[in-house]
Amino acid sequence: MKLTDLVTLIAPTPKSVKLFARRYWTAKIGGAEATGKTSDQAITALGKTIARVFDGNYTPYALPFRGWLGLAWRSPRGWEYHFYNVAEEFGPKEGTVFLLRSCNGADTEQEVVKRLRAHLADVAWDGEEEASPIIIDEQDQERFGRDARWQKRYRALKATGMEDAAIRAQLLNERL
């Protein structure tokens, strides 16, 4: 038995179809699918997709930070993550099993951990710091600092009684 014995092939739509036309071949098996210009290219792409699912590490990661818990795991679709406010979200669920739903994903383990760190830094921001101890990536750290300065400046202008639209207009002209 070969992979091609189990694959469902879907041909491109005829050239006469103009609306919602699909100009590529699709190869499917179970929940996996891939496309290509020819049926052979679609089957080859499907084989690579299936091989990628079985290759590599599936060990999940936990990243606690300031009362939040970030979880990153690998699924057949790639790497995914989600974070939880432990007291607010786990307290009511104590003793129950619940599904993890991802809020973001990435193709690689390194990228999903990088995104998780940046996202956790944002949600657990202390309202003052302009550099987060949890971020390791330099560009993410720069973005975090800009966002923190913007938030702090917004807060200061709001305290003077300025309206939201006026504050935003002024902040657009300032270099934070």
N, C-alpha and C. Protein backbone atom coordinates (compact mmCIF):
# COMPACT_ATOMS: atom_id res chain seq x y z
N MET A 1 0.85 -1.17 0.00
CA MET A 1 0.00 0.00 0.00
C MET A 1 0.90 1.24 0.00
N LYS A 2 0.53 2.23 -0.79
CA LYS A 2 1.27 3.48 -0.90
C LYS A 2 0.41 4.63 -0.37
N LEU A 3 1.06 5.73 -0.07
CA LEU A 3 0.35 6.93 0.39
C LEU A 3 -0.72 7.34 -0.62
N THR A 4 -0.39 7.21 -1.89
CA THR A 4 -1.33 7.64 -2.94
C THR A 4 -2.61 6.81 -2.95
N ASP A 5 -2.58 5.59 -2.37
CA ASP A 5 -3.79 4.76 -2.29
C ASP A 5 -4.80 5.35 -1.31
N LEU A 6 -4.33 6.15 -0.36
CA LEU A 6 -5.19 6.70 0.68
C LEU A 6 -5.55 8.18 0.47
N VAL A 7 -4.92 8.80 -0.51
CA VAL A 7 -5.08 10.24 -0.73
C VAL A 7 -6.31 10.52 -1.59
N THR A 8 -7.05 11.54 -1.20
CA THR A 8 -8.14 12.05 -2.02
C THR A 8 -7.60 13.24 -2.80
N LEU A 9 -7.74 13.20 -4.10
CA LEU A 9 -7.28 14.29 -4.95
C LEU A 9 -8.46 15.12 -5.43
N ILE A 10 -8.33 16.42 -5.36
CA ILE A 10 -9.37 17.32 -5.85
C ILE A 10 -8.74 18.14 -6.97
N ALA A 11 -9.30 18.01 -8.14
CA ALA A 11 -8.75 18.69 -9.32
C ALA A 11 -9.09 20.18 -9.30
N PRO A 12 -8.30 20.96 -10.04
CA PRO A 12 -8.63 22.39 -10.15
C PRO A 12 -10.00 22.56 -10.81
N THR A 13 -10.61 23.70 -10.56
CA THR A 13 -11.90 23.97 -11.23
C THR A 13 -11.62 24.24 -12.71
N PRO A 14 -12.57 23.94 -13.57
CA PRO A 14 -12.36 24.20 -15.01
C PRO A 14 -12.13 25.69 -15.27
N LYS A 15 -11.38 25.97 -16.32
CA LYS A 15 -11.06 27.37 -16.67
C LYS A 15 -12.30 28.17 -16.99
N SER A 16 -13.40 27.49 -17.33
CA SER A 16 -14.63 28.21 -17.64
C SER A 16 -15.26 28.82 -16.38
N VAL A 17 -14.89 28.31 -15.21
CA VAL A 17 -15.41 28.85 -13.96
C VAL A 17 -14.59 30.09 -13.60
N LYS A 18 -15.25 31.21 -13.48
CA LYS A 18 -14.55 32.47 -13.21
C LYS A 18 -14.66 32.89 -11.74
N LEU A 19 -15.79 32.60 -11.11
CA LEU A 19 -16.02 33.02 -9.74
C LEU A 19 -15.59 31.92 -8.78
N PHE A 20 -14.76 32.25 -7.80
CA PHE A 20 -14.25 31.31 -6.81
C PHE A 20 -13.51 30.14 -7.46
N ALA A 21 -12.78 30.44 -8.50
CA ALA A 21 -12.02 29.40 -9.20
C ALA A 21 -10.83 28.95 -8.36
N ARG A 22 -10.54 27.66 -8.39
CA ARG A 22 -9.40 27.08 -7.69
C ARG A 22 -8.47 26.53 -8.78
N ARG A 23 -7.33 27.14 -8.97
CA ARG A 23 -6.42 26.79 -10.07
C ARG A 23 -5.32 25.83 -9.66
N TYR A 24 -5.51 25.06 -8.61
CA TYR A 24 -4.47 24.16 -8.11
C TYR A 24 -5.11 22.82 -7.73
N TRP A 25 -4.26 21.80 -7.63
CA TRP A 25 -4.67 20.49 -7.16
C TRP A 25 -4.62 20.48 -5.64
N THR A 26 -5.52 19.73 -5.00
CA THR A 26 -5.51 19.55 -3.56
C THR A 26 -5.41 18.05 -3.26
N ALA A 27 -4.49 17.70 -2.38
CA ALA A 27 -4.36 16.31 -1.92
C ALA A 27 -4.73 16.29 -0.44
N LYS A 28 -5.64 15.36 -0.06
CA LYS A 28 -6.11 15.27 1.32
C LYS A 28 -6.00 13.85 1.84
N ILE A 29 -5.69 13.76 3.14
CA ILE A 29 -5.78 12.49 3.85
C ILE A 29 -6.09 12.84 5.31
N GLY A 30 -7.19 12.37 5.80
CA GLY A 30 -7.62 12.75 7.14
C GLY A 30 -7.80 14.26 7.23
N GLY A 31 -7.22 14.89 8.26
CA GLY A 31 -7.32 16.34 8.41
C GLY A 31 -6.18 17.08 7.74
N ALA A 32 -5.26 16.36 7.11
CA ALA A 32 -4.11 16.99 6.46
C ALA A 32 -4.41 17.23 4.99
N GLU A 33 -3.99 18.38 4.50
CA GLU A 33 -4.13 18.66 3.07
C GLU A 33 -3.01 19.55 2.60
N ALA A 34 -2.73 19.47 1.30
CA ALA A 34 -1.70 20.29 0.68
C ALA A 34 -2.10 20.54 -0.76
N THR A 35 -1.51 21.56 -1.35
CA THR A 35 -1.85 21.91 -2.72
C THR A 35 -0.60 21.94 -3.59
N GLY A 36 -0.82 21.90 -4.89
CA GLY A 36 0.27 22.00 -5.85
C GLY A 36 -0.27 22.28 -7.23
N LYS A 37 0.63 22.68 -8.15
CA LYS A 37 0.21 22.99 -9.52
C LYS A 37 -0.24 21.72 -10.26
N THR A 38 0.36 20.58 -9.87
CA THR A 38 -0.03 19.29 -10.47
C THR A 38 -0.44 18.35 -9.34
N SER A 39 -1.08 17.24 -9.71
CA SER A 39 -1.48 16.28 -8.68
C SER A 39 -0.25 15.70 -7.99
N ASP A 40 0.83 15.45 -8.74
CA ASP A 40 2.05 14.92 -8.14
C ASP A 40 2.67 15.91 -7.15
N GLN A 41 2.66 17.20 -7.50
CA GLN A 41 3.19 18.21 -6.58
C GLN A 41 2.34 18.30 -5.32
N ALA A 42 1.03 18.17 -5.44
CA ALA A 42 0.14 18.21 -4.27
C ALA A 42 0.39 17.01 -3.37
N ILE A 43 0.59 15.83 -3.96
CA ILE A 43 0.86 14.62 -3.17
C ILE A 43 2.21 14.73 -2.48
N THR A 44 3.22 15.24 -3.18
CA THR A 44 4.55 15.43 -2.58
C THR A 44 4.46 16.40 -1.41
N ALA A 45 3.74 17.50 -1.60
CA ALA A 45 3.57 18.49 -0.52
C ALA A 45 2.85 17.87 0.67
N LEU A 46 1.85 17.03 0.41
CA LEU A 46 1.11 16.35 1.48
C LEU A 46 2.05 15.42 2.25
N GLY A 47 2.90 14.69 1.54
CA GLY A 47 3.86 13.82 2.20
C GLY A 47 4.79 14.60 3.13
N LYS A 48 5.23 15.78 2.70
CA LYS A 48 6.09 16.63 3.53
C LYS A 48 5.33 17.14 4.75
N THR A 49 4.07 17.49 4.57
CA THR A 49 3.25 17.96 5.68
C THR A 49 3.09 16.86 6.73
N ILE A 50 2.80 15.66 6.27
CA ILE A 50 2.63 14.53 7.19
C ILE A 50 3.95 14.20 7.89
N ALA A 51 5.06 14.22 7.17
CA ALA A 51 6.37 13.93 7.77
C ALA A 51 6.70 14.96 8.85
N ARG A 52 6.39 16.25 8.59
CA ARG A 52 6.68 17.31 9.56
C ARG A 52 5.93 17.09 10.87
N VAL A 53 4.72 16.54 10.79
CA VAL A 53 3.92 16.29 11.99
C VAL A 53 4.60 15.28 12.90
N PHE A 54 5.29 14.32 12.33
CA PHE A 54 5.93 13.28 13.14
C PHE A 54 7.36 13.60 13.52
N ASP A 55 7.90 14.69 13.01
CA ASP A 55 9.28 15.04 13.26
C ASP A 55 9.37 16.09 14.36
N GLY A 56 10.32 15.92 15.25
CA GLY A 56 10.59 16.96 16.25
C GLY A 56 9.97 16.71 17.61
N ASN A 57 9.97 17.75 18.41
CA ASN A 57 9.63 17.71 19.81
C ASN A 57 8.16 18.11 20.05
N TYR A 58 7.48 17.38 20.90
CA TYR A 58 6.11 17.72 21.27
C TYR A 58 5.99 18.05 22.76
N THR A 59 7.10 18.25 23.44
CA THR A 59 7.07 18.55 24.87
C THR A 59 6.52 19.95 25.08
N PRO A 60 5.47 20.12 25.88
CA PRO A 60 4.92 21.47 26.11
C PRO A 60 5.79 22.27 27.07
N TYR A 61 5.62 23.57 27.05
CA TYR A 61 6.35 24.49 27.92
C TYR A 61 5.38 25.24 28.82
N ALA A 62 5.82 25.54 30.03
CA ALA A 62 5.06 26.40 30.94
C ALA A 62 5.98 27.56 31.31
N LEU A 63 5.42 28.78 31.30
CA LEU A 63 6.19 29.97 31.62
C LEU A 63 5.38 30.84 32.58
N PRO A 64 5.63 30.69 33.91
CA PRO A 64 4.91 31.53 34.88
C PRO A 64 5.55 32.92 34.96
N PHE A 65 4.71 33.95 35.12
CA PHE A 65 5.20 35.32 35.23
C PHE A 65 4.15 36.20 35.89
N ARG A 66 4.46 36.71 37.08
CA ARG A 66 3.61 37.66 37.80
C ARG A 66 2.15 37.22 37.92
N GLY A 67 1.93 35.98 38.30
CA GLY A 67 0.57 35.49 38.50
C GLY A 67 -0.11 34.98 37.24
N TRP A 68 0.60 35.03 36.13
CA TRP A 68 0.10 34.52 34.86
C TRP A 68 0.85 33.24 34.53
N LEU A 69 0.23 32.36 33.77
CA LEU A 69 0.88 31.13 33.33
C LEU A 69 0.75 31.05 31.82
N GLY A 70 1.89 31.07 31.14
CA GLY A 70 1.92 30.90 29.69
C GLY A 70 2.21 29.45 29.38
N LEU A 71 1.45 28.89 28.46
CA LEU A 71 1.67 27.50 28.03
C LEU A 71 1.90 27.50 26.52
N ALA A 72 2.91 26.77 26.07
CA ALA A 72 3.20 26.62 24.65
C ALA A 72 3.26 25.13 24.35
N TRP A 73 2.65 24.71 23.26
CA TRP A 73 2.63 23.30 22.91
C TRP A 73 2.62 23.16 21.40
N ARG A 74 2.96 21.97 20.97
CA ARG A 74 2.97 21.68 19.54
C ARG A 74 1.75 20.85 19.20
N SER A 75 1.12 21.19 18.10
CA SER A 75 0.00 20.42 17.58
C SER A 75 0.34 20.06 16.13
N PRO A 76 -0.47 19.26 15.49
CA PRO A 76 -0.18 18.97 14.08
C PRO A 76 -0.18 20.21 13.18
N ARG A 77 -0.78 21.31 13.62
CA ARG A 77 -0.80 22.55 12.84
C ARG A 77 0.46 23.38 13.03
N GLY A 78 1.24 23.11 14.08
CA GLY A 78 2.43 23.89 14.40
C GLY A 78 2.47 24.17 15.88
N TRP A 79 3.25 25.15 16.27
CA TRP A 79 3.37 25.53 17.68
C TRP A 79 2.31 26.56 18.02
N GLU A 80 1.72 26.43 19.22
CA GLU A 80 0.65 27.33 19.66
C GLU A 80 0.90 27.73 21.11
N TYR A 81 0.25 28.81 21.55
CA TYR A 81 0.37 29.18 22.96
C TYR A 81 -0.91 29.84 23.44
N HIS A 82 -1.02 29.89 24.75
CA HIS A 82 -2.09 30.63 25.42
C HIS A 82 -1.57 30.99 26.80
N PHE A 83 -2.16 31.99 27.42
CA PHE A 83 -1.76 32.36 28.78
C PHE A 83 -3.00 32.55 29.63
N TYR A 84 -2.83 32.36 30.92
CA TYR A 84 -3.94 32.41 31.85
C TYR A 84 -3.56 33.24 33.07
N ASN A 85 -4.52 34.01 33.57
CA ASN A 85 -4.39 34.64 34.87
C ASN A 85 -4.76 33.55 35.86
N VAL A 86 -3.80 33.03 36.57
CA VAL A 86 -3.99 31.83 37.38
C VAL A 86 -5.13 31.99 38.38
N ALA A 87 -5.15 33.09 39.14
CA ALA A 87 -6.17 33.27 40.17
C ALA A 87 -7.57 33.40 39.57
N GLU A 88 -7.69 34.19 38.50
CA GLU A 88 -9.01 34.45 37.91
C GLU A 88 -9.53 33.30 37.08
N GLU A 89 -8.65 32.66 36.33
CA GLU A 89 -9.13 31.65 35.39
C GLU A 89 -9.05 30.23 35.90
N PHE A 90 -8.05 29.92 36.73
CA PHE A 90 -7.94 28.55 37.22
C PHE A 90 -8.75 28.33 38.48
N GLY A 91 -8.91 29.35 39.31
CA GLY A 91 -9.68 29.22 40.54
C GLY A 91 -11.05 28.62 40.32
N PRO A 92 -11.88 29.22 39.44
CA PRO A 92 -13.22 28.68 39.20
C PRO A 92 -13.20 27.29 38.56
N LYS A 93 -12.09 26.91 37.93
CA LYS A 93 -12.01 25.63 37.23
C LYS A 93 -11.37 24.54 38.08
N GLU A 94 -11.05 24.87 39.31
CA GLU A 94 -10.33 23.92 40.15
C GLU A 94 -11.05 22.57 40.19
N GLY A 95 -10.30 21.51 39.94
CA GLY A 95 -10.85 20.17 39.98
C GLY A 95 -11.52 19.72 38.69
N THR A 96 -11.54 20.58 37.66
CA THR A 96 -12.17 20.20 36.39
C THR A 96 -11.11 20.12 35.30
N VAL A 97 -11.39 19.30 34.32
CA VAL A 97 -10.52 19.19 33.16
C VAL A 97 -11.11 20.10 32.08
N PHE A 98 -10.27 20.90 31.45
CA PHE A 98 -10.77 21.78 30.39
C PHE A 98 -9.79 21.79 29.24
N LEU A 99 -10.29 22.13 28.07
CA LEU A 99 -9.47 22.16 26.87
C LEU A 99 -8.63 23.43 26.81
N LEU A 100 -7.42 23.30 26.33
CA LEU A 100 -6.59 24.46 26.08
C LEU A 100 -6.90 24.95 24.67
N ARG A 101 -7.11 26.23 24.55
CA ARG A 101 -7.33 26.83 23.24
C ARG A 101 -6.18 27.81 23.00
N SER A 102 -5.64 27.78 21.82
CA SER A 102 -4.52 28.68 21.55
C SER A 102 -5.02 30.06 21.14
N CYS A 103 -4.22 31.07 21.43
CA CYS A 103 -4.56 32.41 21.00
C CYS A 103 -3.59 32.88 19.93
N ASN A 104 -2.56 32.11 19.68
CA ASN A 104 -1.59 32.50 18.68
C ASN A 104 -0.74 31.29 18.34
N GLY A 105 -0.13 31.32 17.20
CA GLY A 105 0.68 30.19 16.81
C GLY A 105 1.88 30.63 16.00
N ALA A 106 2.76 29.67 15.70
CA ALA A 106 3.96 29.92 14.91
C ALA A 106 4.42 28.60 14.32
N ASP A 107 5.27 28.71 13.33
CA ASP A 107 5.80 27.51 12.69
C ASP A 107 6.87 26.82 13.52
N THR A 108 7.60 27.58 14.32
CA THR A 108 8.71 26.98 15.06
C THR A 108 8.54 27.15 16.56
N GLU A 109 9.20 26.28 17.27
CA GLU A 109 9.21 26.31 18.73
C GLU A 109 9.81 27.63 19.24
N GLN A 110 10.92 28.07 18.65
CA GLN A 110 11.58 29.29 19.08
C GLN A 110 10.68 30.51 18.88
N GLU A 111 9.98 30.57 17.75
CA GLU A 111 9.11 31.71 17.45
C GLU A 111 7.92 31.76 18.40
N VAL A 112 7.32 30.63 18.72
CA VAL A 112 6.16 30.65 19.61
C VAL A 112 6.57 31.04 21.03
N VAL A 113 7.74 30.61 21.48
CA VAL A 113 8.21 31.00 22.82
C VAL A 113 8.53 32.50 22.83
N LYS A 114 9.10 33.02 21.76
CA LYS A 114 9.38 34.46 21.64
C LYS A 114 8.08 35.25 21.72
N ARG A 115 7.06 34.83 20.97
CA ARG A 115 5.76 35.52 20.99
C ARG A 115 5.09 35.41 22.36
N LEU A 116 5.19 34.25 22.98
CA LEU A 116 4.60 34.06 24.31
C LEU A 116 5.24 35.01 25.32
N ARG A 117 6.56 35.13 25.29
CA ARG A 117 7.26 36.02 26.21
C ARG A 117 6.80 37.48 26.02
N ALA A 118 6.72 37.92 24.77
CA ALA A 118 6.31 39.30 24.49
C ALA A 118 4.86 39.54 24.92
N HIS A 119 4.00 38.58 24.65
CA HIS A 119 2.58 38.72 25.00
C HIS A 119 2.38 38.73 26.52
N LEU A 120 3.07 37.83 27.22
CA LEU A 120 2.99 37.81 28.69
C LEU A 120 3.51 39.11 29.29
N ALA A 121 4.58 39.66 28.71
CA ALA A 121 5.11 40.93 29.21
C ALA A 121 4.06 42.03 29.10
N ASP A 122 3.32 42.03 28.00
CA ASP A 122 2.27 43.04 27.80
C ASP A 122 1.14 42.91 28.82
N VAL A 123 0.63 41.70 28.99
CA VAL A 123 -0.53 41.53 29.89
C VAL A 123 -0.15 41.66 31.36
N ALA A 124 1.11 41.39 31.70
CA ALA A 124 1.53 41.47 33.10
C ALA A 124 2.33 42.75 33.38
N TRP A 125 2.24 43.73 32.50
CA TRP A 125 2.99 44.99 32.67
C TRP A 125 2.63 45.63 34.00
N ASP A 126 3.63 46.10 34.72
CA ASP A 126 3.39 46.68 36.05
C ASP A 126 2.97 48.15 35.99
N GLY A 127 2.89 48.73 34.82
CA GLY A 127 2.45 50.12 34.67
C GLY A 127 3.57 51.13 34.73
N GLU A 128 4.79 50.68 35.02
CA GLU A 128 5.92 51.61 35.15
C GLU A 128 7.13 51.20 34.32
N GLU A 129 7.48 49.92 34.36
CA GLU A 129 8.73 49.48 33.73
C GLU A 129 8.73 49.75 32.23
N GLU A 130 9.91 50.06 31.69
CA GLU A 130 10.05 50.28 30.25
C GLU A 130 10.89 49.19 29.60
N ALA A 131 11.28 48.20 30.40
CA ALA A 131 11.96 47.00 29.91
C ALA A 131 11.41 45.84 30.73
N SER A 132 11.07 44.75 30.04
CA SER A 132 10.50 43.61 30.75
C SER A 132 11.56 42.53 30.99
N PRO A 133 11.63 42.00 32.20
CA PRO A 133 12.62 40.96 32.49
C PRO A 133 12.32 39.63 31.78
N ILE A 134 11.13 39.47 31.24
CA ILE A 134 10.79 38.19 30.60
C ILE A 134 11.11 38.17 29.11
N ILE A 135 11.29 39.34 28.51
CA ILE A 135 11.57 39.42 27.06
C ILE A 135 13.07 39.27 26.82
N ILE A 136 13.43 38.39 25.88
CA ILE A 136 14.84 38.20 25.54
C ILE A 136 15.17 38.80 24.17
N ASP A 137 14.19 38.85 23.28
CA ASP A 137 14.40 39.36 21.93
C ASP A 137 14.54 40.88 21.95
N GLU A 138 15.58 41.40 21.29
CA GLU A 138 15.88 42.84 21.31
C GLU A 138 14.76 43.68 20.68
N GLN A 139 14.25 43.24 19.53
CA GLN A 139 13.18 44.00 18.87
C GLN A 139 11.90 44.00 19.71
N ASP A 140 11.57 42.87 20.32
CA ASP A 140 10.40 42.82 21.19
C ASP A 140 10.58 43.74 22.39
N GLN A 141 11.81 43.81 22.91
CA GLN A 141 12.10 44.68 24.05
C GLN A 141 11.94 46.15 23.65
N GLU A 142 12.40 46.51 22.46
CA GLU A 142 12.24 47.89 21.97
C GLU A 142 10.77 48.24 21.81
N ARG A 143 9.99 47.34 21.23
CA ARG A 143 8.55 47.57 21.05
C ARG A 143 7.87 47.71 22.41
N PHE A 144 8.24 46.86 23.36
CA PHE A 144 7.67 46.93 24.70
C PHE A 144 7.96 48.30 25.32
N GLY A 145 9.19 48.78 25.19
CA GLY A 145 9.57 50.08 25.75
C GLY A 145 8.77 51.22 25.13
N ARG A 146 8.61 51.21 23.80
CA ARG A 146 7.81 52.25 23.12
C ARG A 146 6.37 52.22 23.61
N ASP A 147 5.80 51.01 23.69
CA ASP A 147 4.41 50.89 24.15
C ASP A 147 4.26 51.36 25.60
N ALA A 148 5.22 51.04 26.44
CA ALA A 148 5.16 51.44 27.85
C ALA A 148 5.24 52.96 27.97
N ARG A 149 6.17 53.58 27.22
CA ARG A 149 6.28 55.04 27.26
C ARG A 149 4.99 55.69 26.76
N TRP A 150 4.38 55.13 25.71
CA TRP A 150 3.12 55.66 25.18
C TRP A 150 2.03 55.58 26.24
N GLN A 151 1.90 54.43 26.88
CA GLN A 151 0.88 54.25 27.92
C GLN A 151 1.09 55.22 29.09
N LYS A 152 2.33 55.36 29.51
CA LYS A 152 2.62 56.26 30.64
C LYS A 152 2.32 57.71 30.26
N ARG A 153 2.69 58.12 29.05
CA ARG A 153 2.42 59.48 28.59
C ARG A 153 0.92 59.71 28.44
N TYR A 154 0.21 58.71 27.92
CA TYR A 154 -1.25 58.81 27.80
C TYR A 154 -1.87 59.05 29.18
N ARG A 155 -1.42 58.26 30.15
CA ARG A 155 -1.94 58.38 31.52
C ARG A 155 -1.69 59.78 32.09
N ALA A 156 -0.48 60.31 31.85
CA ALA A 156 -0.13 61.64 32.36
C ALA A 156 -1.01 62.71 31.72
N LEU A 157 -1.23 62.62 30.42
CA LEU A 157 -2.07 63.62 29.73
C LEU A 157 -3.53 63.49 30.15
N LYS A 158 -3.98 62.26 30.36
CA LYS A 158 -5.37 62.03 30.80
C LYS A 158 -5.60 62.66 32.17
N ALA A 159 -4.58 62.62 33.03
CA ALA A 159 -4.68 63.20 34.37
C ALA A 159 -4.85 64.72 34.34
N THR A 160 -4.44 65.34 33.22
CA THR A 160 -4.61 66.80 33.09
C THR A 160 -6.02 67.17 32.64
N GLY A 161 -6.83 66.15 32.31
CA GLY A 161 -8.20 66.42 31.87
C GLY A 161 -8.38 66.42 30.37
N MET A 162 -7.33 66.12 29.61
CA MET A 162 -7.46 66.09 28.15
C MET A 162 -8.40 64.97 27.73
N GLU A 163 -9.08 65.18 26.61
CA GLU A 163 -9.96 64.16 26.03
C GLU A 163 -9.13 63.15 25.24
N ASP A 164 -9.68 61.96 25.08
CA ASP A 164 -9.00 60.85 24.41
C ASP A 164 -8.51 61.24 23.02
N ALA A 165 -9.37 61.84 22.20
CA ALA A 165 -8.99 62.19 20.82
C ALA A 165 -7.83 63.18 20.81
N ALA A 166 -7.86 64.15 21.69
CA ALA A 166 -6.78 65.15 21.76
C ALA A 166 -5.48 64.50 22.23
N ILE A 167 -5.58 63.58 23.18
CA ILE A 167 -4.38 62.89 23.67
C ILE A 167 -3.75 62.08 22.53
N ARG A 168 -4.58 61.34 21.81
CA ARG A 168 -4.06 60.51 20.72
C ARG A 168 -3.44 61.36 19.62
N ALA A 169 -4.06 62.49 19.32
CA ALA A 169 -3.51 63.40 18.31
C ALA A 169 -2.14 63.93 18.76
N GLN A 170 -2.02 64.29 20.02
CA GLN A 170 -0.75 64.80 20.52
C GLN A 170 0.31 63.69 20.52
N LEU A 171 -0.07 62.49 20.94
CA LEU A 171 0.89 61.39 20.99
C LEU A 171 1.40 60.98 19.61
N LEU A 172 0.58 61.19 18.60
CA LEU A 172 1.04 60.90 17.23
C LEU A 172 2.20 61.81 16.83
N ASN A 173 2.23 63.01 17.38
CA ASN A 173 3.28 63.97 17.05
C ASN A 173 4.51 63.85 17.95
N GLU A 174 4.38 63.17 19.06
CA GLU A 174 5.51 63.00 19.96
C GLU A 174 6.32 61.77 19.58
N ARG A 175 7.61 61.84 19.81
CA ARG A 175 8.49 60.68 19.55
C ARG A 175 8.75 60.00 20.87
N LEU A 176 8.08 58.89 21.08
CA LEU A 176 8.26 58.18 22.34
C LEU A 176 9.15 57.02 22.07
